[in-house]
Protein backbone atom coordinates (compact mmCIF):
# COMPACT_ATOMS: atom_id res chain seq x y z
CA MET A 1 190.07 123.47 32.39
CA ILE A 2 189.95 119.75 31.71
CA SER A 3 188.19 117.32 34.07
CA VAL A 4 190.10 114.78 36.17
CA ARG A 5 188.66 111.84 34.24
CA ASP A 6 189.35 113.43 30.85
CA ALA A 7 192.91 114.24 31.93
CA GLN A 8 193.51 110.64 32.99
CA ASN A 9 192.07 109.27 29.76
CA HIS A 10 194.11 111.75 27.71
CA ILE A 11 197.35 110.72 29.43
CA LEU A 12 196.73 106.98 29.20
CA ALA A 13 195.80 107.28 25.51
CA ARG A 14 199.29 108.68 24.87
CA VAL A 15 201.19 106.23 27.05
CA THR A 16 201.22 103.44 24.50
CA GLU A 17 204.84 102.29 24.79
CA ARG A 18 205.88 99.58 27.23
CA THR A 19 209.24 99.19 28.92
CA PRO A 20 211.36 96.31 27.54
CA PRO A 21 211.40 92.94 29.33
CA GLU A 22 214.30 91.59 31.34
CA LEU A 23 215.10 88.26 33.01
CA ILE A 24 215.79 88.54 36.75
CA ALA A 25 216.21 86.21 39.70
CA LEU A 26 213.03 85.34 41.56
CA THR A 27 214.68 86.57 44.76
CA ASP A 28 214.84 90.07 43.25
CA ALA A 29 211.33 90.10 41.81
CA LEU A 30 209.19 91.41 44.70
CA GLY A 31 207.02 94.26 43.39
CA ARG A 32 208.13 93.81 39.78
CA VAL A 33 205.60 93.42 36.98
CA LEU A 34 205.49 90.19 34.98
CA ALA A 35 206.10 90.74 31.28
CA GLU A 36 205.19 87.15 30.39
CA PRO A 37 202.70 84.76 31.99
CA VAL A 38 204.09 82.02 34.22
CA ARG A 39 202.88 78.55 33.23
CA ALA A 40 203.07 75.40 35.30
CA PRO A 41 205.67 72.92 33.97
CA PHE A 42 203.99 70.09 35.90
CA ASP A 43 200.93 69.31 38.01
CA VAL A 44 200.73 70.77 41.51
CA PRO A 45 200.69 68.70 43.60
CA PRO A 46 202.71 66.35 41.37
CA THR A 47 201.16 63.22 42.94
CA ASP A 48 198.17 62.29 45.08
CA ASN A 49 199.22 62.88 48.68
CA SER A 50 197.90 62.77 52.20
CA ALA A 51 196.25 65.88 53.65
CA VAL A 52 196.62 64.65 57.27
CA ASP A 53 198.75 62.47 59.51
CA GLY A 54 196.99 59.12 59.62
CA TYR A 55 196.63 55.78 57.85
CA ALA A 56 196.37 55.18 54.11
CA VAL A 57 193.96 52.42 53.19
CA ALA A 58 192.01 51.08 50.24
CA GLY A 59 188.45 52.35 50.05
CA ASP A 60 187.25 48.77 49.60
CA ASP A 61 188.64 47.93 53.07
CA VAL A 62 186.60 50.65 54.79
CA PRO A 63 183.52 49.11 56.43
CA ALA A 64 180.09 50.45 55.49
CA ALA A 65 179.08 50.05 59.15
CA GLY A 66 180.73 48.92 62.35
CA THR A 67 184.51 48.50 62.53
CA ARG A 68 187.24 46.53 60.86
CA GLN A 69 190.84 45.63 61.66
CA LEU A 70 193.76 46.15 59.25
CA ALA A 71 197.46 45.28 59.46
CA VAL A 72 199.95 48.17 59.44
CA VAL A 73 202.77 47.17 57.10
CA ALA A 74 204.92 50.34 56.87
CA ASP A 75 205.48 53.94 57.96
CA LEU A 76 205.62 56.58 55.22
CA PRO A 77 207.06 59.98 56.20
CA ALA A 78 206.73 63.08 54.00
CA GLY A 79 209.35 63.08 51.26
CA SER A 80 209.41 59.28 50.96
CA VAL A 81 207.74 56.93 48.48
CA PHE A 82 206.35 53.45 49.24
CA ALA A 83 208.01 51.11 46.76
CA GLY A 84 205.39 48.38 46.77
CA ALA A 85 201.61 48.26 46.55
CA LEU A 86 199.10 48.04 49.36
CA ALA A 87 197.32 44.66 49.52
CA ARG A 88 193.78 44.10 50.76
CA GLY A 89 193.53 44.15 54.53
CA GLN A 90 196.65 46.32 54.88
CA ALA A 91 197.27 49.93 55.95
CA ILE A 92 200.26 52.25 55.91
CA ARG A 93 200.93 54.92 58.52
CA ILE A 94 201.35 58.10 56.46
CA MET A 95 202.41 61.67 57.24
CA THR A 96 200.93 64.87 55.79
CA GLY A 97 202.27 65.49 52.28
CA ALA A 98 203.57 61.98 51.68
CA PRO A 99 202.62 60.51 48.27
CA MET A 100 199.75 58.05 48.39
CA PRO A 101 201.00 54.47 48.03
CA ALA A 102 199.74 52.32 45.17
CA GLY A 103 196.56 50.53 46.15
CA ALA A 104 195.44 53.22 48.66
CA ASP A 105 192.89 55.95 47.96
CA THR A 106 191.70 57.03 51.42
CA VAL A 107 193.35 58.36 54.58
CA LEU A 108 191.93 58.04 58.09
CA PRO A 109 193.19 60.71 60.53
CA GLN A 110 195.19 59.11 63.33
CA GLU A 111 192.80 60.64 65.90
CA VAL A 112 189.93 58.39 64.74
CA VAL A 113 191.98 55.19 64.57
CA ALA A 114 192.61 52.80 67.47
CA ARG A 115 195.98 51.05 67.19
CA VAL A 116 197.31 48.12 69.13
CA GLY A 117 200.71 46.87 68.01
CA ASP A 118 200.68 46.50 64.25
CA ARG A 119 196.92 46.41 63.92
CA ILE A 120 194.41 49.27 63.68
CA THR A 121 190.67 49.34 64.07
CA ILE A 122 188.86 51.64 61.64
CA ALA A 123 185.28 52.90 61.31
CA PRO A 124 183.33 54.09 58.21
CA ILE A 125 184.74 57.08 56.28
CA ALA A 126 184.07 58.40 52.79
CA ARG A 127 186.20 56.94 50.00
CA GLY A 128 188.90 59.43 48.98
CA ALA A 129 188.75 61.32 52.28
CA ASN A 130 191.82 63.41 53.26
CA VAL A 131 193.60 62.93 49.95
CA ARG A 132 194.95 65.88 47.93
CA LEU A 133 194.70 64.87 44.29
CA ARG A 134 197.41 65.36 41.70
CA GLY A 135 196.92 68.68 39.87
CA GLU A 136 194.09 69.88 42.10
CA ASP A 137 195.98 73.15 42.64
CA VAL A 138 197.52 73.67 39.20
CA ARG A 139 197.45 71.63 35.99
CA THR A 140 200.43 71.30 33.65
CA GLY A 141 200.52 74.21 31.19
CA ALA A 142 198.05 76.34 33.12
CA VAL A 143 198.79 80.04 33.61
CA VAL A 144 199.45 80.43 37.32
CA VAL A 145 200.38 84.14 37.28
CA GLU A 146 199.23 86.43 34.48
CA ALA A 147 201.36 88.98 32.67
CA GLY A 148 200.83 92.44 34.12
CA THR A 149 200.78 91.17 37.70
CA ALA A 150 202.83 93.02 40.30
CA LEU A 151 204.53 90.20 42.18
CA ARG A 152 203.66 89.87 45.86
CA PRO A 153 205.15 87.36 48.31
CA GLN A 154 202.38 84.85 47.54
CA GLU A 155 203.12 84.94 43.80
CA LEU A 156 206.82 84.48 44.49
CA GLY A 157 206.04 81.40 46.59
CA LEU A 158 203.76 79.94 43.94
CA ILE A 159 206.37 80.44 41.23
CA ALA A 160 209.06 78.88 43.44
CA SER A 161 206.80 75.87 44.04
CA LEU A 162 207.07 75.20 40.31
CA GLY A 163 210.85 74.93 40.58
CA LEU A 164 211.44 78.22 38.75
CA THR A 165 214.23 80.55 39.84
CA THR A 166 213.89 83.35 37.26
CA VAL A 167 211.03 85.42 35.83
CA VAL A 168 210.64 87.80 32.88
CA VAL A 169 209.54 91.22 34.12
CA ALA A 170 209.12 94.68 32.65
CA GLN A 171 212.04 97.00 33.14
CA ARG A 172 211.31 99.75 35.62
CA PRO A 173 210.40 103.05 33.93
CA ARG A 174 213.10 105.68 34.41
CA VAL A 175 211.77 108.88 35.94
CA ALA A 176 213.80 112.10 36.19
CA VAL A 177 212.67 114.16 39.19
CA LEU A 178 213.57 117.78 39.79
CA SER A 179 212.27 120.70 41.83
CA THR A 180 212.18 124.28 40.58
CA GLY A 181 212.37 127.67 42.22
CA ASP A 182 214.73 130.01 44.02
CA GLU A 183 212.65 129.57 47.16
CA VAL A 184 213.61 125.87 47.44
CA ALA A 185 216.68 124.86 49.46
CA GLU A 186 218.37 121.47 49.58
CA PRO A 187 217.82 119.65 52.91
CA GLY A 188 221.04 119.47 54.89
CA GLY A 189 222.34 122.74 53.46
CA PRO A 190 221.85 126.37 54.48
CA ARG A 191 218.39 127.92 54.15
CA LYS A 192 218.22 131.60 53.24
CA PRO A 193 215.48 133.90 54.58
CA GLY A 194 212.32 133.23 52.58
CA GLN A 195 213.41 129.75 51.51
CA ILE A 196 211.88 126.39 52.38
CA TYR A 197 213.54 122.99 52.34
CA ASP A 198 212.62 120.81 49.39
CA ALA A 199 210.08 118.17 50.37
CA ASN A 200 208.52 117.47 46.99
CA ARG A 201 211.53 115.79 45.42
CA PHE A 202 211.70 113.30 48.28
CA THR A 203 207.99 112.46 48.27
CA LEU A 204 208.04 112.13 44.48
CA ARG A 205 211.10 109.88 44.55
CA GLY A 206 209.36 107.67 47.10
CA LEU A 207 206.16 107.62 45.06
CA CYS A 208 208.14 106.63 41.96
CA GLU A 209 209.73 103.71 43.76
CA GLN A 210 206.38 102.70 45.27
CA SER A 211 204.96 102.73 41.73
CA GLY A 212 207.68 100.39 40.46
CA ALA A 213 209.74 103.08 38.70
CA ARG A 214 213.42 104.01 38.99
CA PRO A 215 213.86 107.66 39.99
CA ILE A 216 216.75 109.78 38.72
CA ASP A 217 217.29 112.69 41.10
CA LEU A 218 218.29 115.88 39.26
CA GLY A 219 218.11 118.19 42.26
CA VAL A 220 216.79 121.75 42.45
CA VAL A 221 216.79 124.13 39.46
CA PRO A 222 216.72 127.90 40.08
CA ASP A 223 214.29 130.29 38.38
CA GLU A 224 216.62 130.85 35.44
CA ARG A 225 215.31 130.12 31.98
CA GLU A 226 218.50 128.72 30.45
CA ALA A 227 219.33 126.62 33.51
CA LEU A 228 215.82 125.14 33.44
CA ARG A 229 216.03 124.52 29.72
CA ALA A 230 219.35 122.70 30.03
CA ARG A 231 218.17 120.58 32.97
CA LEU A 232 214.93 119.56 31.24
CA LEU A 233 216.81 118.50 28.11
CA GLU A 234 219.22 116.52 30.28
CA ALA A 235 216.27 114.87 32.06
CA ALA A 236 214.51 113.95 28.81
CA ALA A 237 217.67 112.35 27.44
CA ALA A 238 218.10 110.19 30.56
CA ALA A 239 214.54 109.13 31.35
CA ASP A 240 211.24 107.83 30.03
CA VAL A 241 209.32 110.33 32.16
CA VAL A 242 210.26 113.78 33.45
CA ILE A 243 208.60 115.22 36.56
CA THR A 244 209.02 118.75 37.87
CA SER A 245 207.34 120.38 40.84
CA GLY A 246 206.58 124.07 40.93
CA GLY A 247 206.70 126.70 38.20
CA VAL A 248 203.50 125.72 36.37
CA SER A 249 201.14 128.41 37.65
CA VAL A 250 200.70 131.93 36.28
CA GLY A 251 203.36 133.84 38.24
CA VAL A 252 206.12 135.90 36.65
CA TYR A 253 208.72 133.32 37.67
CA ASP A 254 206.68 130.28 36.68
CA LEU A 255 208.87 129.33 33.73
CA VAL A 256 208.17 125.63 33.21
CA LYS A 257 205.32 125.97 30.71
CA ALA A 258 207.17 128.55 28.61
CA VAL A 259 210.35 126.48 28.42
CA LEU A 260 208.37 123.31 27.74
CA ALA A 261 206.62 125.00 24.81
CA GLU A 262 210.07 125.77 23.32
CA ILE A 263 211.75 122.38 23.72
CA GLY A 264 208.76 120.04 23.62
CA GLY A 265 205.02 120.44 23.68
CA ILE A 266 202.12 120.95 26.10
CA ASP A 267 199.06 118.71 25.76
CA PHE A 268 197.08 120.51 28.46
CA TRP A 269 197.41 122.38 31.72
CA GLN A 270 194.97 123.17 34.51
CA VAL A 271 192.59 120.48 35.77
CA ALA A 272 189.23 121.13 37.41
CA MET A 273 190.24 119.80 40.81
CA GLN A 274 191.17 120.97 44.29
CA PRO A 275 193.97 120.83 45.28
CA GLY A 276 196.20 120.48 42.24
CA ARG A 277 194.66 122.65 39.53
CA PRO A 278 197.95 123.81 37.90
CA LEU A 279 199.29 120.73 36.07
CA ALA A 280 201.25 120.76 32.82
CA VAL A 281 201.27 117.58 30.73
CA GLY A 282 203.25 117.16 27.54
CA ARG A 283 206.42 115.72 26.02
CA ILE A 284 210.09 116.55 25.63
CA GLY A 285 211.32 114.48 22.72
CA ALA A 286 210.45 110.85 23.50
CA ALA A 287 209.94 111.49 27.21
CA HIS A 288 206.58 112.11 28.81
CA PHE A 289 206.48 115.31 30.87
CA PHE A 290 204.48 116.10 34.01
CA GLY A 291 204.79 119.55 35.55
CA LEU A 292 203.27 119.17 39.02
CA PRO A 293 202.23 121.98 41.38
CA GLY A 294 204.67 123.25 43.96
CA ASN A 295 202.44 122.87 47.01
CA PRO A 296 203.36 119.55 48.67
CA VAL A 297 199.87 118.06 48.94
CA ALA A 298 198.96 119.10 45.40
CA SER A 299 202.24 117.66 44.13
CA MET A 300 201.57 114.27 45.76
CA LEU A 301 197.91 114.22 44.75
CA THR A 302 198.57 114.96 41.07
CA PHE A 303 201.23 112.25 41.05
CA LEU A 304 198.76 109.71 42.44
CA LEU A 305 196.03 110.66 39.99
CA PHE A 306 198.00 111.19 36.79
CA VAL A 307 201.64 110.07 36.97
CA ARG A 308 201.23 106.78 38.82
CA PRO A 309 198.69 105.32 36.34
CA ALA A 310 201.02 106.28 33.49
CA LEU A 311 204.01 104.56 35.11
CA LEU A 312 201.95 101.44 35.85
CA ALA A 313 200.73 101.38 32.24
CA MET A 314 204.30 101.68 30.92
CA ALA A 315 205.26 98.61 32.96
CA GLY A 316 202.25 96.69 31.60
CA ARG A 317 200.25 96.59 34.83
CA ARG A 318 196.70 95.32 34.43
CA ARG A 319 195.26 97.46 37.24
CA LEU A 320 196.08 101.15 37.10
CA PHE A 321 193.82 102.63 39.77
CA PRO A 322 193.10 101.58 43.37
CA GLU A 323 189.65 100.27 44.20
CA ALA A 324 187.21 102.86 45.54
CA TRP A 325 184.40 102.20 48.01
CA SER A 326 181.73 104.11 49.93
CA ALA A 327 181.90 105.43 53.47
CA ARG A 328 179.66 107.51 55.73
CA ALA A 329 180.90 111.05 56.40
CA ALA A 330 181.53 111.49 60.12
CA GLU A 331 181.60 115.27 59.81
CA ALA A 332 180.48 118.11 57.55
CA MET A 333 182.70 118.70 54.51
CA PRO A 334 182.43 122.00 52.59
CA LYS A 335 182.59 121.65 48.81
CA LYS A 336 182.30 124.00 45.81
CA ARG A 337 180.44 122.70 42.78
CA GLY A 338 182.13 122.48 39.41
CA ARG A 339 185.40 120.82 40.38
CA ARG A 340 186.43 117.48 41.83
CA GLU A 341 187.74 117.83 45.35
CA PHE A 342 190.07 115.50 47.19
CA LYS A 343 190.20 115.68 50.96
CA ARG A 344 192.65 113.73 53.05
CA GLY A 345 190.69 111.37 55.25
CA VAL A 346 190.91 108.77 57.97
CA ALA A 347 188.62 105.80 57.27
CA ARG A 348 187.58 103.34 59.97
CA LEU A 349 185.27 100.36 60.11
CA GLU A 350 182.73 101.03 62.87
CA ASP A 351 179.97 98.49 63.62
CA GLY A 352 180.37 96.99 60.17
CA VAL A 353 180.13 100.34 58.35
CA TRP A 354 183.01 102.36 56.92
CA THR A 355 183.11 105.92 58.23
CA VAL A 356 185.49 108.70 57.26
CA ARG A 357 186.51 112.05 58.66
CA THR A 358 189.06 114.51 57.37
CA THR A 359 192.52 114.85 58.84
CA GLY A 360 191.80 118.45 59.84
CA PRO A 361 192.88 121.58 57.92
CA GLN A 362 192.98 120.78 54.21
CA GLY A 363 195.35 123.40 52.81
CA SER A 364 197.43 122.24 49.85
CA GLY A 365 200.61 123.07 51.72
CA ILE A 366 199.80 120.96 54.79
CA LEU A 367 201.89 117.87 54.07
CA SER A 368 201.12 116.47 57.53
CA SER A 369 197.56 115.86 56.30
CA MET A 370 198.93 113.21 53.94
CA VAL A 371 200.86 111.65 56.82
CA ALA A 372 197.77 111.53 59.06
CA GLY A 373 195.42 110.20 56.37
CA ASN A 374 194.90 106.69 55.06
CA CYS A 375 192.59 107.60 52.18
CA LEU A 376 191.32 110.31 49.87
CA VAL A 377 187.73 111.49 50.12
CA VAL A 378 186.63 112.03 46.51
CA LEU A 379 183.86 114.60 46.09
CA GLU A 380 182.58 114.69 42.51
CA GLU A 381 182.22 117.81 40.38
CA ASP A 382 178.45 118.17 40.70
CA ARG A 383 178.41 117.70 44.45
CA GLY A 384 178.03 120.51 46.97
CA ASP A 385 178.57 120.58 50.71
CA VAL A 386 178.51 117.20 52.45
CA ALA A 387 176.45 116.83 55.62
CA PRO A 388 177.37 114.38 58.41
CA GLY A 389 175.93 110.95 57.66
CA GLU A 390 175.98 111.30 53.88
CA MET A 391 177.79 108.67 51.82
CA VAL A 392 181.01 109.64 50.05
CA THR A 393 183.56 107.87 47.87
CA ILE A 394 186.97 107.04 49.32
CA GLU A 395 190.14 105.70 47.74
CA PRO A 396 193.22 104.28 49.51
CA LEU A 397 196.45 106.23 49.16
CA GLY A 398 198.48 103.16 48.25
CA PRO A 399 198.90 101.70 44.75
CA PRO A 400 196.45 99.16 43.32
CA GLU A 401 197.20 95.50 43.98
């Protein structure tokens, strides 16, 4: 069996191609991955402007001690520009965001100014106070969002502030998803004795979309060699990645590996982990192939560990794995040495310290454990049983930011 880390490295070493770029509207770009860096076409802010509502004055008119009176010669709302220049002894009432008038370099907040008619009395304040300088946020030509960034609302806002309405992003990888096995029934249809409704295809479709990919649903394939062969060839012709669930263990009706060996190739199968040991990785023509276990938790877990990083890499993402951190075990956790174990956990911050407990029974068929959890507890290969109070590694279930 191959280790989890070696399996990840092996997969990523073979995922060298990147999806082509496409130009899309900024309004459609949430969650998409930038294929080109976004550069600022101008300074942000484009001019010096006021950071507060108050009075714009020349620094030379601000007294070093005591007070001084100035004449208010105009009001300047945000979005307007003062056409003239401020003379000595004058002030302009200015609103937050309004461009600084010529001759002014300091703004006094209105709360510290006494005004009577068209005259104000001011006290000492530092030259340049309450002024946002041109380009202090972004300079012309600077990269404001790097290629490989998955666009969040804040990046969309920053790009829009530059006057841009389109971005160049990576096309979403196409992923064909199918379930295998006579024991799997389609939800909404009849369920024969001994059958279960297909959950894996729906979780895997959701995980594909969450990972920025475009799923292609190819339904359920029965345990028939020729039917499986035909469906896998169809999937490989339509997609960049093919994912199956079930049929990769050592049972008589586990046909996926045998068919894959005929129409493509197997790089490896079986990973030293629990749950999720049976995993077939290979290719069918130009498409990457991942044969995931049939148990629902194992299917989701192997997707998170092996398929998701591959999809993110194909789209050019810079970060492929979520950040891990340490937490104190709130309960005993049994563990066999020699394999990496992943328990579904609930992490909480208690008195400034992260603690984690499991979601309860940890069977690989208990999909509700993934619903109840907010993290994975990662117990390394050389670790044995965990006692309450020991530190463990945890990883969030969601994709990296």
